[in-house]
Amino acid sequence: LVLPQGAYEGGGGFKWWERGLHDIVEHGRPEDIAQWYAASSRLSEFIRQITRCRPTLGKPIVTGSSQGGEATLLVATQHRKQIHAAVAVNGDMPDPFWRRKIAPTVMINGTGDDVVPFAWAKAHAEAWIARGAPLVFWPMQSGGHAVTQAMSKAWLAELGRHVEMIWQRG
């Protein structure tokens, strides 16, 4: 288990980029999009280095919540061949980053999320699925952006399912 940390400190934690989802969806400024691509490249290099230094039975499974979920989706779209699968929680991936060929991906999103608006995540996921992406969208009851106990159980179960797949291929 490897838990990379975002480079930008703020808002009570670490972030992968300074300009967030709302900036991308509402404005789509090239400099904001570039910051997301730069984070994707850093994560790709990190994955390349860690898998070289610490070989395992299979490719990594990437996961995260909030900006970590969005970073997970970025890796799944931009660097799909480096990973086995992606499980993103309360994250979203807007159209500028769309790729038809992505790693197998699950998005778990809370219906009451007000930071990563549920309607945005659902609309983007449905558009990706309609375009043929190997993506599953799981809406789960929530009262906000926090990960509920039910979401946590679903998240862990999905990670366990992928670990089991890798283990069986061994």
N, C-alpha and C. Protein backbone atom coordinates (compact mmCIF):
# COMPACT_ATOMS: atom_id res chain seq x y z
N LEU A 1 0.86 -1.17 0.00
CA LEU A 1 0.00 0.00 0.00
C LEU A 1 0.90 1.23 0.00
N VAL A 2 0.73 2.07 -0.99
CA VAL A 2 1.52 3.28 -1.13
C VAL A 2 0.54 4.45 -1.19
N LEU A 3 0.77 5.46 -0.36
CA LEU A 3 -0.15 6.59 -0.29
C LEU A 3 0.58 7.90 -0.63
N PRO A 4 0.65 8.25 -1.90
CA PRO A 4 1.31 9.51 -2.26
C PRO A 4 0.49 10.70 -1.75
N GLN A 5 1.18 11.77 -1.49
CA GLN A 5 0.56 12.98 -0.94
C GLN A 5 0.65 14.10 -1.96
N GLY A 6 -0.41 14.86 -2.08
CA GLY A 6 -0.41 16.01 -2.99
C GLY A 6 0.65 17.02 -2.62
N ALA A 7 1.01 17.85 -3.57
CA ALA A 7 2.11 18.80 -3.40
C ALA A 7 1.68 20.12 -2.76
N TYR A 8 0.40 20.48 -2.85
CA TYR A 8 -0.07 21.78 -2.38
C TYR A 8 -0.79 21.62 -1.05
N GLU A 9 -0.35 22.37 -0.04
CA GLU A 9 -0.99 22.32 1.27
C GLU A 9 -2.04 23.41 1.35
N GLY A 10 -3.20 23.04 1.87
CA GLY A 10 -4.26 24.02 2.03
C GLY A 10 -5.59 23.36 2.31
N GLY A 11 -6.47 24.09 2.98
CA GLY A 11 -7.80 23.56 3.26
C GLY A 11 -7.80 22.38 4.20
N GLY A 12 -6.80 22.27 5.07
CA GLY A 12 -6.77 21.17 6.03
C GLY A 12 -6.12 19.91 5.51
N GLY A 13 -5.54 19.94 4.34
CA GLY A 13 -4.89 18.75 3.79
C GLY A 13 -3.97 19.11 2.65
N PHE A 14 -3.61 18.10 1.90
CA PHE A 14 -2.74 18.30 0.75
C PHE A 14 -3.54 18.11 -0.52
N LYS A 15 -3.24 18.94 -1.51
CA LYS A 15 -3.96 18.91 -2.77
C LYS A 15 -3.00 18.60 -3.91
N TRP A 16 -3.54 18.08 -4.98
CA TRP A 16 -2.73 17.75 -6.15
C TRP A 16 -2.54 18.95 -7.06
N TRP A 17 -3.41 19.93 -6.95
CA TRP A 17 -3.32 21.15 -7.75
C TRP A 17 -4.01 22.27 -7.00
N GLU A 18 -3.63 23.48 -7.34
CA GLU A 18 -4.21 24.65 -6.65
C GLU A 18 -5.61 24.97 -7.16
N ARG A 19 -5.81 24.85 -8.43
CA ARG A 19 -7.10 25.18 -9.04
C ARG A 19 -7.93 23.90 -9.14
N GLY A 20 -9.12 23.94 -8.57
CA GLY A 20 -9.91 22.72 -8.44
C GLY A 20 -10.91 22.45 -9.54
N LEU A 21 -11.76 21.48 -9.26
CA LEU A 21 -12.76 21.00 -10.21
C LEU A 21 -13.66 22.14 -10.70
N HIS A 22 -14.11 23.00 -9.80
CA HIS A 22 -15.00 24.08 -10.21
C HIS A 22 -14.33 25.00 -11.23
N ASP A 23 -13.03 25.24 -11.06
CA ASP A 23 -12.30 26.06 -12.02
C ASP A 23 -12.29 25.42 -13.41
N ILE A 24 -12.10 24.11 -13.44
CA ILE A 24 -12.05 23.39 -14.73
C ILE A 24 -13.43 23.39 -15.40
N VAL A 25 -14.46 23.00 -14.64
CA VAL A 25 -15.80 22.87 -15.21
C VAL A 25 -16.38 24.23 -15.60
N GLU A 26 -16.21 25.22 -14.72
CA GLU A 26 -16.87 26.50 -14.95
C GLU A 26 -16.09 27.43 -15.88
N HIS A 27 -14.75 27.28 -15.92
CA HIS A 27 -13.95 28.23 -16.71
C HIS A 27 -13.08 27.56 -17.77
N GLY A 28 -12.54 26.38 -17.47
CA GLY A 28 -11.71 25.66 -18.43
C GLY A 28 -10.48 26.41 -18.89
N ARG A 29 -9.88 27.21 -18.01
CA ARG A 29 -8.69 27.97 -18.38
C ARG A 29 -7.54 27.02 -18.68
N PRO A 30 -6.79 27.29 -19.73
CA PRO A 30 -5.67 26.42 -20.10
C PRO A 30 -4.66 26.22 -18.97
N GLU A 31 -4.39 27.25 -18.18
CA GLU A 31 -3.41 27.12 -17.11
C GLU A 31 -3.91 26.19 -16.00
N ASP A 32 -5.23 26.14 -15.77
CA ASP A 32 -5.79 25.22 -14.77
C ASP A 32 -5.72 23.78 -15.28
N ILE A 33 -6.08 23.60 -16.54
CA ILE A 33 -6.01 22.27 -17.14
C ILE A 33 -4.57 21.78 -17.16
N ALA A 34 -3.63 22.67 -17.45
CA ALA A 34 -2.21 22.30 -17.47
C ALA A 34 -1.74 21.83 -16.11
N GLN A 35 -2.26 22.44 -15.06
CA GLN A 35 -1.87 22.02 -13.71
C GLN A 35 -2.32 20.59 -13.43
N TRP A 36 -3.50 20.23 -13.91
CA TRP A 36 -3.99 18.85 -13.73
C TRP A 36 -3.12 17.88 -14.54
N TYR A 37 -2.79 18.24 -15.78
CA TYR A 37 -1.92 17.38 -16.58
C TYR A 37 -0.55 17.21 -15.94
N ALA A 38 -0.01 18.27 -15.35
CA ALA A 38 1.29 18.19 -14.68
C ALA A 38 1.22 17.23 -13.51
N ALA A 39 0.14 17.27 -12.73
CA ALA A 39 -0.03 16.33 -11.62
C ALA A 39 -0.12 14.91 -12.15
N SER A 40 -0.81 14.73 -13.25
CA SER A 40 -0.92 13.40 -13.87
C SER A 40 0.45 12.87 -14.26
N SER A 41 1.27 13.72 -14.83
CA SER A 41 2.62 13.31 -15.23
C SER A 41 3.48 12.94 -14.02
N ARG A 42 3.37 13.73 -12.94
CA ARG A 42 4.11 13.41 -11.72
C ARG A 42 3.68 12.07 -11.14
N LEU A 43 2.38 11.82 -11.14
CA LEU A 43 1.88 10.54 -10.63
C LEU A 43 2.33 9.38 -11.51
N SER A 44 2.32 9.59 -12.81
CA SER A 44 2.78 8.55 -13.73
C SER A 44 4.24 8.19 -13.47
N GLU A 45 5.07 9.20 -13.29
CA GLU A 45 6.48 8.95 -13.01
C GLU A 45 6.64 8.26 -11.65
N PHE A 46 5.86 8.66 -10.68
CA PHE A 46 5.89 8.01 -9.37
C PHE A 46 5.54 6.52 -9.51
N ILE A 47 4.47 6.22 -10.25
CA ILE A 47 4.07 4.83 -10.46
C ILE A 47 5.17 4.06 -11.18
N ARG A 48 5.77 4.68 -12.19
CA ARG A 48 6.86 4.02 -12.92
C ARG A 48 8.00 3.68 -11.97
N GLN A 49 8.39 4.62 -11.14
CA GLN A 49 9.51 4.41 -10.22
C GLN A 49 9.18 3.36 -9.16
N ILE A 50 8.01 3.45 -8.58
CA ILE A 50 7.66 2.53 -7.49
C ILE A 50 7.50 1.10 -8.00
N THR A 51 6.95 0.93 -9.20
CA THR A 51 6.80 -0.43 -9.72
C THR A 51 8.14 -1.01 -10.16
N ARG A 52 9.07 -0.15 -10.52
CA ARG A 52 10.42 -0.62 -10.85
C ARG A 52 11.15 -1.06 -9.58
N CYS A 53 11.02 -0.27 -8.54
CA CYS A 53 11.72 -0.55 -7.27
C CYS A 53 11.06 -1.65 -6.45
N ARG A 54 9.75 -1.77 -6.55
CA ARG A 54 8.99 -2.70 -5.72
C ARG A 54 8.05 -3.55 -6.60
N PRO A 55 8.62 -4.47 -7.37
CA PRO A 55 7.76 -5.29 -8.23
C PRO A 55 6.79 -6.15 -7.40
N THR A 56 5.59 -6.31 -7.91
CA THR A 56 4.56 -7.10 -7.25
C THR A 56 3.94 -8.07 -8.25
N LEU A 57 2.87 -8.71 -7.84
CA LEU A 57 2.21 -9.67 -8.72
C LEU A 57 1.57 -9.03 -9.95
N GLY A 58 1.16 -7.80 -9.82
CA GLY A 58 0.47 -7.15 -10.92
C GLY A 58 0.65 -5.65 -10.88
N LYS A 59 -0.04 -5.00 -11.78
CA LYS A 59 0.00 -3.55 -11.84
C LYS A 59 -0.75 -2.96 -10.65
N PRO A 60 -0.40 -1.73 -10.29
CA PRO A 60 -1.07 -1.10 -9.14
C PRO A 60 -2.54 -0.81 -9.38
N ILE A 61 -3.25 -0.74 -8.29
CA ILE A 61 -4.63 -0.26 -8.26
C ILE A 61 -4.54 1.14 -7.66
N VAL A 62 -5.03 2.14 -8.35
CA VAL A 62 -4.97 3.50 -7.81
C VAL A 62 -6.32 3.86 -7.22
N THR A 63 -6.27 4.66 -6.15
CA THR A 63 -7.50 5.05 -5.47
C THR A 63 -7.29 6.33 -4.71
N GLY A 64 -8.37 7.01 -4.43
CA GLY A 64 -8.33 8.22 -3.64
C GLY A 64 -9.70 8.84 -3.55
N SER A 65 -9.80 9.83 -2.68
CA SER A 65 -11.06 10.53 -2.46
C SER A 65 -10.86 12.03 -2.65
N SER A 66 -11.89 12.71 -3.11
CA SER A 66 -11.87 14.14 -3.37
C SER A 66 -10.82 14.44 -4.45
N GLN A 67 -9.85 15.32 -4.21
CA GLN A 67 -8.83 15.53 -5.24
C GLN A 67 -8.04 14.26 -5.48
N GLY A 68 -7.91 13.41 -4.46
CA GLY A 68 -7.28 12.10 -4.66
C GLY A 68 -8.08 11.23 -5.61
N GLY A 69 -9.42 11.37 -5.57
CA GLY A 69 -10.28 10.67 -6.52
C GLY A 69 -10.10 11.21 -7.92
N GLU A 70 -9.96 12.51 -8.02
CA GLU A 70 -9.74 13.11 -9.33
C GLU A 70 -8.36 12.76 -9.87
N ALA A 71 -7.36 12.72 -8.99
CA ALA A 71 -6.02 12.28 -9.41
C ALA A 71 -6.07 10.82 -9.87
N THR A 72 -6.86 10.01 -9.18
CA THR A 72 -7.06 8.61 -9.57
C THR A 72 -7.65 8.54 -10.97
N LEU A 73 -8.67 9.34 -11.23
CA LEU A 73 -9.30 9.36 -12.55
C LEU A 73 -8.34 9.86 -13.62
N LEU A 74 -7.51 10.83 -13.28
CA LEU A 74 -6.51 11.31 -14.23
C LEU A 74 -5.56 10.19 -14.64
N VAL A 75 -5.06 9.44 -13.67
CA VAL A 75 -4.16 8.34 -13.99
C VAL A 75 -4.89 7.30 -14.85
N ALA A 76 -6.13 7.01 -14.51
CA ALA A 76 -6.91 6.02 -15.27
C ALA A 76 -7.11 6.46 -16.72
N THR A 77 -7.23 7.76 -16.94
CA THR A 77 -7.47 8.25 -18.31
C THR A 77 -6.17 8.52 -19.06
N GLN A 78 -5.19 9.09 -18.39
CA GLN A 78 -3.97 9.52 -19.07
C GLN A 78 -2.87 8.46 -19.10
N HIS A 79 -2.90 7.53 -18.17
CA HIS A 79 -1.80 6.56 -18.04
C HIS A 79 -2.34 5.16 -17.78
N ARG A 80 -3.38 4.79 -18.49
CA ARG A 80 -4.12 3.56 -18.23
C ARG A 80 -3.27 2.30 -18.29
N LYS A 81 -2.24 2.28 -19.11
CA LYS A 81 -1.44 1.07 -19.25
C LYS A 81 -0.54 0.80 -18.05
N GLN A 82 -0.41 1.78 -17.17
CA GLN A 82 0.44 1.62 -15.99
C GLN A 82 -0.29 0.95 -14.82
N ILE A 83 -1.62 0.88 -14.89
CA ILE A 83 -2.37 0.42 -13.73
C ILE A 83 -3.31 -0.73 -14.06
N HIS A 84 -3.69 -1.45 -13.03
CA HIS A 84 -4.67 -2.53 -13.17
C HIS A 84 -6.08 -1.95 -13.22
N ALA A 85 -6.38 -1.03 -12.28
CA ALA A 85 -7.72 -0.45 -12.18
C ALA A 85 -7.65 0.81 -11.33
N ALA A 86 -8.78 1.54 -11.34
CA ALA A 86 -8.89 2.77 -10.56
C ALA A 86 -10.22 2.76 -9.80
N VAL A 87 -10.17 3.21 -8.54
CA VAL A 87 -11.38 3.35 -7.73
C VAL A 87 -11.35 4.77 -7.15
N ALA A 88 -12.24 5.61 -7.64
CA ALA A 88 -12.29 7.01 -7.23
C ALA A 88 -13.53 7.25 -6.37
N VAL A 89 -13.34 7.97 -5.27
CA VAL A 89 -14.43 8.29 -4.37
C VAL A 89 -14.59 9.80 -4.29
N ASN A 90 -15.82 10.26 -4.47
CA ASN A 90 -16.14 11.69 -4.40
C ASN A 90 -15.18 12.53 -5.25
N GLY A 91 -14.92 12.05 -6.44
CA GLY A 91 -14.09 12.76 -7.40
C GLY A 91 -14.84 12.85 -8.72
N ASP A 92 -14.34 13.64 -9.62
CA ASP A 92 -14.98 13.82 -10.92
C ASP A 92 -13.89 14.06 -11.96
N MET A 93 -14.20 13.78 -13.20
CA MET A 93 -13.26 14.00 -14.29
C MET A 93 -14.02 14.65 -15.44
N PRO A 94 -13.88 15.96 -15.59
CA PRO A 94 -14.60 16.66 -16.64
C PRO A 94 -14.03 16.38 -18.03
N ASP A 95 -14.78 16.83 -19.02
CA ASP A 95 -14.48 16.52 -20.42
C ASP A 95 -13.09 16.84 -20.94
N PRO A 96 -12.41 17.90 -20.50
CA PRO A 96 -11.09 18.15 -21.08
C PRO A 96 -10.12 16.97 -20.96
N PHE A 97 -10.38 16.06 -20.03
CA PHE A 97 -9.46 14.95 -19.78
C PHE A 97 -9.97 13.63 -20.33
N TRP A 98 -11.07 13.68 -21.08
CA TRP A 98 -11.71 12.48 -21.60
C TRP A 98 -10.79 11.69 -22.51
N ARG A 99 -10.75 10.39 -22.31
CA ARG A 99 -10.12 9.43 -23.21
C ARG A 99 -11.05 8.23 -23.30
N ARG A 100 -11.26 7.73 -24.48
CA ARG A 100 -12.16 6.59 -24.62
C ARG A 100 -11.55 5.35 -23.98
N LYS A 101 -10.27 5.17 -24.18
CA LYS A 101 -9.59 4.01 -23.60
C LYS A 101 -9.03 4.41 -22.25
N ILE A 102 -9.67 3.89 -21.20
CA ILE A 102 -9.22 4.15 -19.85
C ILE A 102 -9.04 2.82 -19.13
N ALA A 103 -8.36 2.85 -18.01
CA ALA A 103 -8.26 1.65 -17.18
C ALA A 103 -9.64 1.34 -16.62
N PRO A 104 -9.93 0.07 -16.31
CA PRO A 104 -11.20 -0.23 -15.64
C PRO A 104 -11.34 0.65 -14.40
N THR A 105 -12.47 1.33 -14.31
CA THR A 105 -12.64 2.36 -13.29
C THR A 105 -14.00 2.26 -12.63
N VAL A 106 -14.00 2.48 -11.31
CA VAL A 106 -15.23 2.63 -10.54
C VAL A 106 -15.22 4.01 -9.91
N MET A 107 -16.33 4.72 -10.07
CA MET A 107 -16.52 6.01 -9.40
C MET A 107 -17.62 5.81 -8.35
N ILE A 108 -17.29 6.11 -7.09
CA ILE A 108 -18.26 6.04 -6.00
C ILE A 108 -18.49 7.49 -5.57
N ASN A 109 -19.73 7.96 -5.72
CA ASN A 109 -20.00 9.36 -5.42
C ASN A 109 -21.22 9.49 -4.51
N GLY A 110 -21.09 10.37 -3.52
CA GLY A 110 -22.20 10.64 -2.61
C GLY A 110 -23.24 11.55 -3.24
N THR A 111 -24.50 11.16 -3.06
CA THR A 111 -25.60 11.92 -3.67
C THR A 111 -25.76 13.32 -3.09
N GLY A 112 -25.27 13.53 -1.87
CA GLY A 112 -25.39 14.84 -1.24
C GLY A 112 -24.11 15.65 -1.27
N ASP A 113 -23.14 15.20 -2.07
CA ASP A 113 -21.85 15.90 -2.12
C ASP A 113 -22.05 17.31 -2.66
N ASP A 114 -21.55 18.29 -1.91
CA ASP A 114 -21.66 19.67 -2.33
C ASP A 114 -20.31 20.27 -2.73
N VAL A 115 -19.23 19.54 -2.53
CA VAL A 115 -17.89 19.99 -2.94
C VAL A 115 -17.61 19.52 -4.36
N VAL A 116 -17.81 18.23 -4.59
CA VAL A 116 -17.77 17.65 -5.94
C VAL A 116 -19.23 17.36 -6.27
N PRO A 117 -19.91 18.31 -6.92
CA PRO A 117 -21.35 18.15 -7.11
C PRO A 117 -21.73 16.81 -7.74
N PHE A 118 -22.62 16.10 -7.05
CA PHE A 118 -23.05 14.79 -7.51
C PHE A 118 -23.56 14.85 -8.95
N ALA A 119 -24.34 15.87 -9.28
CA ALA A 119 -24.90 15.98 -10.64
C ALA A 119 -23.80 16.05 -11.69
N TRP A 120 -22.70 16.75 -11.40
CA TRP A 120 -21.59 16.82 -12.34
C TRP A 120 -20.95 15.45 -12.51
N ALA A 121 -20.63 14.81 -11.39
CA ALA A 121 -19.96 13.51 -11.46
C ALA A 121 -20.83 12.50 -12.20
N LYS A 122 -22.11 12.48 -11.90
CA LYS A 122 -23.03 11.55 -12.57
C LYS A 122 -23.10 11.83 -14.07
N ALA A 123 -23.24 13.10 -14.44
CA ALA A 123 -23.32 13.45 -15.87
C ALA A 123 -22.04 13.08 -16.60
N HIS A 124 -20.88 13.38 -16.01
CA HIS A 124 -19.62 13.05 -16.66
C HIS A 124 -19.45 11.54 -16.77
N ALA A 125 -19.77 10.81 -15.71
CA ALA A 125 -19.65 9.34 -15.74
C ALA A 125 -20.57 8.74 -16.79
N GLU A 126 -21.80 9.20 -16.85
CA GLU A 126 -22.75 8.68 -17.85
C GLU A 126 -22.27 8.98 -19.26
N ALA A 127 -21.69 10.13 -19.48
CA ALA A 127 -21.16 10.46 -20.81
C ALA A 127 -20.00 9.54 -21.16
N TRP A 128 -19.12 9.27 -20.20
CA TRP A 128 -18.00 8.36 -20.45
C TRP A 128 -18.50 6.97 -20.78
N ILE A 129 -19.47 6.50 -20.00
CA ILE A 129 -20.03 5.16 -20.22
C ILE A 129 -20.68 5.08 -21.60
N ALA A 130 -21.42 6.12 -21.98
CA ALA A 130 -22.07 6.15 -23.30
C ALA A 130 -21.05 6.12 -24.43
N ARG A 131 -19.86 6.63 -24.17
CA ARG A 131 -18.79 6.62 -25.18
C ARG A 131 -17.99 5.32 -25.18
N GLY A 132 -18.36 4.40 -24.30
CA GLY A 132 -17.72 3.09 -24.31
C GLY A 132 -16.63 2.87 -23.29
N ALA A 133 -16.47 3.78 -22.35
CA ALA A 133 -15.41 3.61 -21.34
C ALA A 133 -15.76 2.48 -20.37
N PRO A 134 -14.76 1.72 -19.92
CA PRO A 134 -14.99 0.66 -18.94
C PRO A 134 -15.12 1.27 -17.53
N LEU A 135 -16.23 1.95 -17.31
CA LEU A 135 -16.44 2.68 -16.08
C LEU A 135 -17.77 2.27 -15.46
N VAL A 136 -17.78 2.15 -14.13
CA VAL A 136 -18.99 1.88 -13.39
C VAL A 136 -19.18 3.04 -12.41
N PHE A 137 -20.40 3.54 -12.33
CA PHE A 137 -20.71 4.66 -11.44
C PHE A 137 -21.64 4.17 -10.34
N TRP A 138 -21.20 4.35 -9.09
CA TRP A 138 -22.00 3.94 -7.94
C TRP A 138 -22.45 5.16 -7.15
N PRO A 139 -23.72 5.54 -7.27
CA PRO A 139 -24.23 6.61 -6.41
C PRO A 139 -24.52 6.03 -5.03
N MET A 140 -24.13 6.77 -4.00
CA MET A 140 -24.39 6.32 -2.63
C MET A 140 -24.92 7.49 -1.82
N GLN A 141 -25.85 7.20 -0.93
CA GLN A 141 -26.44 8.23 -0.09
C GLN A 141 -25.36 8.92 0.75
N SER A 142 -25.42 10.24 0.77
CA SER A 142 -24.51 11.00 1.62
C SER A 142 -25.14 12.33 1.94
N GLY A 143 -24.67 12.94 3.02
CA GLY A 143 -25.17 14.25 3.39
C GLY A 143 -24.18 15.35 3.07
N GLY A 144 -23.12 15.03 2.39
CA GLY A 144 -22.09 16.01 2.07
C GLY A 144 -20.92 15.35 1.39
N HIS A 145 -19.75 15.94 1.54
CA HIS A 145 -18.55 15.48 0.85
C HIS A 145 -17.82 14.37 1.61
N ALA A 146 -18.16 14.16 2.86
CA ALA A 146 -17.49 13.13 3.66
C ALA A 146 -17.80 11.73 3.14
N VAL A 147 -16.87 10.83 3.39
CA VAL A 147 -17.06 9.43 3.02
C VAL A 147 -17.85 8.76 4.14
N THR A 148 -19.04 8.25 3.80
CA THR A 148 -19.88 7.58 4.78
C THR A 148 -19.37 6.17 5.04
N GLN A 149 -19.90 5.55 6.08
CA GLN A 149 -19.52 4.17 6.38
C GLN A 149 -19.88 3.24 5.22
N ALA A 150 -21.04 3.43 4.63
CA ALA A 150 -21.44 2.59 3.49
C ALA A 150 -20.50 2.81 2.30
N MET A 151 -20.11 4.05 2.06
CA MET A 151 -19.18 4.33 0.97
C MET A 151 -17.83 3.67 1.24
N SER A 152 -17.38 3.76 2.47
CA SER A 152 -16.11 3.16 2.85
C SER A 152 -16.13 1.64 2.64
N LYS A 153 -17.22 1.00 3.01
CA LYS A 153 -17.36 -0.45 2.81
C LYS A 153 -17.34 -0.80 1.33
N ALA A 154 -18.06 -0.04 0.52
CA ALA A 154 -18.08 -0.28 -0.92
C ALA A 154 -16.70 -0.07 -1.52
N TRP A 155 -16.01 0.96 -1.06
CA TRP A 155 -14.67 1.29 -1.53
C TRP A 155 -13.72 0.14 -1.23
N LEU A 156 -13.71 -0.30 0.01
CA LEU A 156 -12.82 -1.41 0.40
C LEU A 156 -13.17 -2.70 -0.32
N ALA A 157 -14.45 -2.95 -0.51
CA ALA A 157 -14.87 -4.16 -1.23
C ALA A 157 -14.37 -4.14 -2.67
N GLU A 158 -14.46 -2.98 -3.31
CA GLU A 158 -14.00 -2.87 -4.71
C GLU A 158 -12.49 -3.04 -4.79
N LEU A 159 -11.77 -2.45 -3.86
CA LEU A 159 -10.31 -2.64 -3.84
C LEU A 159 -9.99 -4.12 -3.62
N GLY A 160 -10.69 -4.75 -2.69
CA GLY A 160 -10.48 -6.17 -2.43
C GLY A 160 -10.77 -7.04 -3.64
N ARG A 161 -11.80 -6.68 -4.39
CA ARG A 161 -12.13 -7.44 -5.61
C ARG A 161 -10.98 -7.38 -6.61
N HIS A 162 -10.39 -6.21 -6.77
CA HIS A 162 -9.27 -6.08 -7.71
C HIS A 162 -8.01 -6.79 -7.20
N VAL A 163 -7.76 -6.71 -5.92
CA VAL A 163 -6.62 -7.44 -5.33
C VAL A 163 -6.79 -8.94 -5.59
N GLU A 164 -8.00 -9.43 -5.39
CA GLU A 164 -8.29 -10.85 -5.62
C GLU A 164 -8.04 -11.22 -7.09
N MET A 165 -8.46 -10.38 -8.02
CA MET A 165 -8.21 -10.63 -9.44
C MET A 165 -6.72 -10.75 -9.73
N ILE A 166 -5.95 -9.82 -9.20
CA ILE A 166 -4.50 -9.84 -9.41
C ILE A 166 -3.91 -11.09 -8.78
N TRP A 167 -4.33 -11.41 -7.58
CA TRP A 167 -3.82 -12.57 -6.85
C TRP A 167 -4.08 -13.86 -7.63
N GLN A 168 -5.30 -13.99 -8.18
CA GLN A 168 -5.66 -15.21 -8.93
C GLN A 168 -4.84 -15.35 -10.20
N ARG A 169 -4.49 -14.24 -10.82
CA ARG A 169 -3.66 -14.29 -12.04
C ARG A 169 -2.23 -14.67 -11.72
N GLY A 170 -1.79 -14.23 -10.48
CA GLY A 170 -0.48 -14.47 -9.90
C GLY A 170 0.56 -14.91 -10.80
